[in-house]
Amino acid sequence: MSGNTEDLPAEVVLGALADTTRRQILNRLARIGEATATTLAAEMSVTRQAVVQHLSILETACLVKGQRIGRERRFVVCPQRLTETARWMDSLAAQWDSRLGAIKRIAEQAHLEGVGPPGQQTATEQEETDDS
């Protein structure tokens, strides 16, 4: 895989993060810094082979990096892809907030102008009711 994670679709990262076991592996690696599949499996309720498969998916998503040291393969978290995904999600949330804000302003303006949904009092009608 190339060093540029920007080319990696968000779906790959989100798919990798969708699994509870993979999130547990990431959390564990983040806490301890680095570990082998054997070390990780010893503290989990899955086999070493399952951990290896999960690590492969995490590595494909550029969320962890494995490095061979002698006969062992040690894994560490790669925070860059998590940061990029979080930025993308923040940007998406900001777009939705902006759209929802615009819809709210339009609805409030329509209500003030007496064009609200049937059965709902406008601000003017509410004032008249309050004055009575």
Protein backbone atom coordinates (compact mmCIF):
# COMPACT_ATOMS: atom_id res chain seq x y z
CA MET A 1 0.00 0.00 0.00
CA SER A 2 1.31 3.47 -0.81
CA GLY A 3 2.27 5.95 1.88
CA ASN A 4 -0.53 8.30 0.80
CA THR A 5 -3.59 7.37 2.83
CA GLU A 6 -5.64 10.16 1.21
CA ASP A 7 -6.27 7.76 -1.71
CA LEU A 8 -7.87 5.23 0.62
CA PRO A 9 -11.69 5.35 0.60
CA ALA A 10 -13.31 6.22 3.92
CA GLU A 11 -15.40 3.05 3.56
CA VAL A 12 -12.28 0.94 4.11
CA VAL A 13 -11.50 2.71 7.38
CA LEU A 14 -15.09 2.75 8.57
CA GLY A 15 -15.48 -0.92 7.66
CA ALA A 16 -12.37 -1.77 9.64
CA LEU A 17 -13.64 0.22 12.63
CA ALA A 18 -17.11 -1.35 12.45
CA ASP A 19 -15.92 -4.53 14.15
CA THR A 20 -15.78 -4.60 17.96
CA THR A 21 -12.75 -6.90 18.06
CA ARG A 22 -10.77 -4.62 15.74
CA ARG A 23 -11.62 -1.61 17.88
CA GLN A 24 -10.46 -3.56 20.95
CA ILE A 25 -7.18 -4.35 19.19
CA LEU A 26 -6.70 -0.67 18.27
CA ASN A 27 -7.47 0.42 21.83
CA ARG A 28 -5.04 -2.11 23.24
CA LEU A 29 -2.28 -1.09 20.83
CA ALA A 30 -2.89 2.58 21.61
CA ARG A 31 -2.47 1.85 25.33
CA ILE A 32 0.63 -0.32 25.17
CA GLY A 33 2.34 1.15 22.11
CA GLU A 34 3.16 -2.03 20.22
CA ALA A 35 2.39 -5.73 20.39
CA THR A 36 2.51 -8.98 18.50
CA ALA A 37 -0.58 -10.93 17.46
CA THR A 38 0.30 -13.51 20.12
CA THR A 39 0.43 -10.86 22.86
CA LEU A 40 -2.90 -9.40 21.76
CA ALA A 41 -4.60 -12.80 21.51
CA ALA A 42 -3.48 -13.74 25.02
CA GLU A 43 -5.70 -10.98 26.41
CA MET A 44 -8.69 -11.54 24.14
CA SER A 45 -11.37 -14.13 23.70
CA VAL A 46 -10.33 -14.89 20.10
CA THR A 47 -7.60 -17.06 18.63
CA ARG A 48 -4.23 -15.80 17.48
CA GLN A 49 -5.24 -16.61 13.90
CA ALA A 50 -8.35 -14.42 14.28
CA VAL A 51 -6.22 -11.58 15.67
CA VAL A 52 -3.87 -11.94 12.68
CA GLN A 53 -6.84 -11.62 10.32
CA HIS A 54 -8.14 -8.56 12.17
CA LEU A 55 -4.66 -6.98 12.12
CA SER A 56 -4.49 -7.59 8.36
CA ILE A 57 -7.76 -5.68 7.88
CA LEU A 58 -6.54 -2.87 10.13
CA GLU A 59 -3.26 -2.75 8.22
CA THR A 60 -5.07 -2.60 4.86
CA ALA A 61 -7.05 0.36 6.23
CA CYS A 62 -3.72 2.01 7.26
CA LEU A 63 -4.83 2.00 10.91
CA VAL A 64 -1.93 -0.14 12.09
CA LYS A 65 1.51 -0.90 10.75
CA GLY A 66 3.36 -4.17 11.19
CA GLN A 67 7.13 -4.44 11.29
CA ARG A 68 9.09 -7.66 11.33
CA ILE A 69 11.71 -7.79 14.07
CA GLY A 70 13.47 -11.14 13.93
CA ARG A 71 10.81 -13.84 13.94
CA GLU A 72 8.15 -11.53 15.40
CA ARG A 73 5.86 -9.08 13.69
CA ARG A 74 5.11 -6.11 15.95
CA PHE A 75 2.16 -3.81 15.31
CA VAL A 76 1.65 -0.15 16.20
CA VAL A 77 -1.28 2.22 15.67
CA CYS A 78 -1.02 4.67 12.77
CA PRO A 79 -3.01 7.68 13.99
CA GLN A 80 -2.81 9.62 10.70
CA ARG A 81 -5.64 7.70 9.02
CA LEU A 82 -7.84 8.02 12.13
CA THR A 83 -7.17 11.77 12.15
CA GLU A 84 -8.01 12.08 8.44
CA THR A 85 -11.24 10.14 8.91
CA ALA A 86 -12.21 12.24 11.94
CA ARG A 87 -11.59 15.42 9.92
CA TRP A 88 -13.75 14.10 7.09
CA MET A 89 -16.54 13.24 9.54
CA ASP A 90 -16.27 16.69 11.18
CA SER A 91 -16.52 18.33 7.76
CA LEU A 92 -19.56 16.22 6.91
CA ALA A 93 -21.18 17.07 10.25
CA ALA A 94 -20.52 20.79 9.67
CA GLN A 95 -22.19 20.57 6.25
CA TRP A 96 -25.25 18.93 7.79
CA ASP A 97 -25.34 21.49 10.62
CA SER A 98 -25.25 24.27 8.01
CA ARG A 99 -28.05 22.68 5.99
CA LEU A 100 -30.19 22.06 9.06
CA GLY A 101 -29.56 25.64 10.21
CA ALA A 102 -30.75 26.94 6.83
CA ILE A 103 -33.89 24.78 7.02
CA LYS A 104 -34.57 26.05 10.54
CA ARG A 105 -34.19 29.67 9.43
CA ILE A 106 -36.56 29.12 6.49
CA ALA A 107 -39.12 27.42 8.73
CA GLU A 108 -38.90 30.17 11.35
CA GLN A 109 -39.27 32.88 8.70
CA ALA A 110 -42.25 31.10 7.16
CA HIS A 111 -43.84 30.81 10.58
CA LEU A 112 -43.31 34.53 11.25
CA GLU A 113 -44.89 35.35 7.89
CA GLY A 114 -47.92 33.20 8.65
CA VAL A 115 -47.04 30.44 6.23
CA GLY A 116 -46.51 27.78 8.90
CA PRO A 117 -47.96 24.28 8.91
CA PRO A 118 -51.73 23.97 9.29
CA GLY A 119 -52.94 24.10 12.90
CA GLN A 120 -49.84 25.89 14.16
CA GLN A 121 -50.16 29.49 15.31
CA THR A 122 -47.92 32.12 13.77
CA ALA A 123 -46.02 34.54 16.01
CA THR A 124 -48.58 37.27 15.20
CA GLU A 125 -51.51 35.00 16.08
CA GLN A 126 -49.73 34.01 19.31
CA GLU A 127 -49.29 37.69 20.24
CA GLU A 128 -52.98 38.37 19.56
CA THR A 129 -53.97 35.40 21.73
CA ASP A 130 -51.67 36.59 24.52
CA ASP A 131 -53.12 40.13 24.37
CA SER A 132 -56.71 38.92 24.80
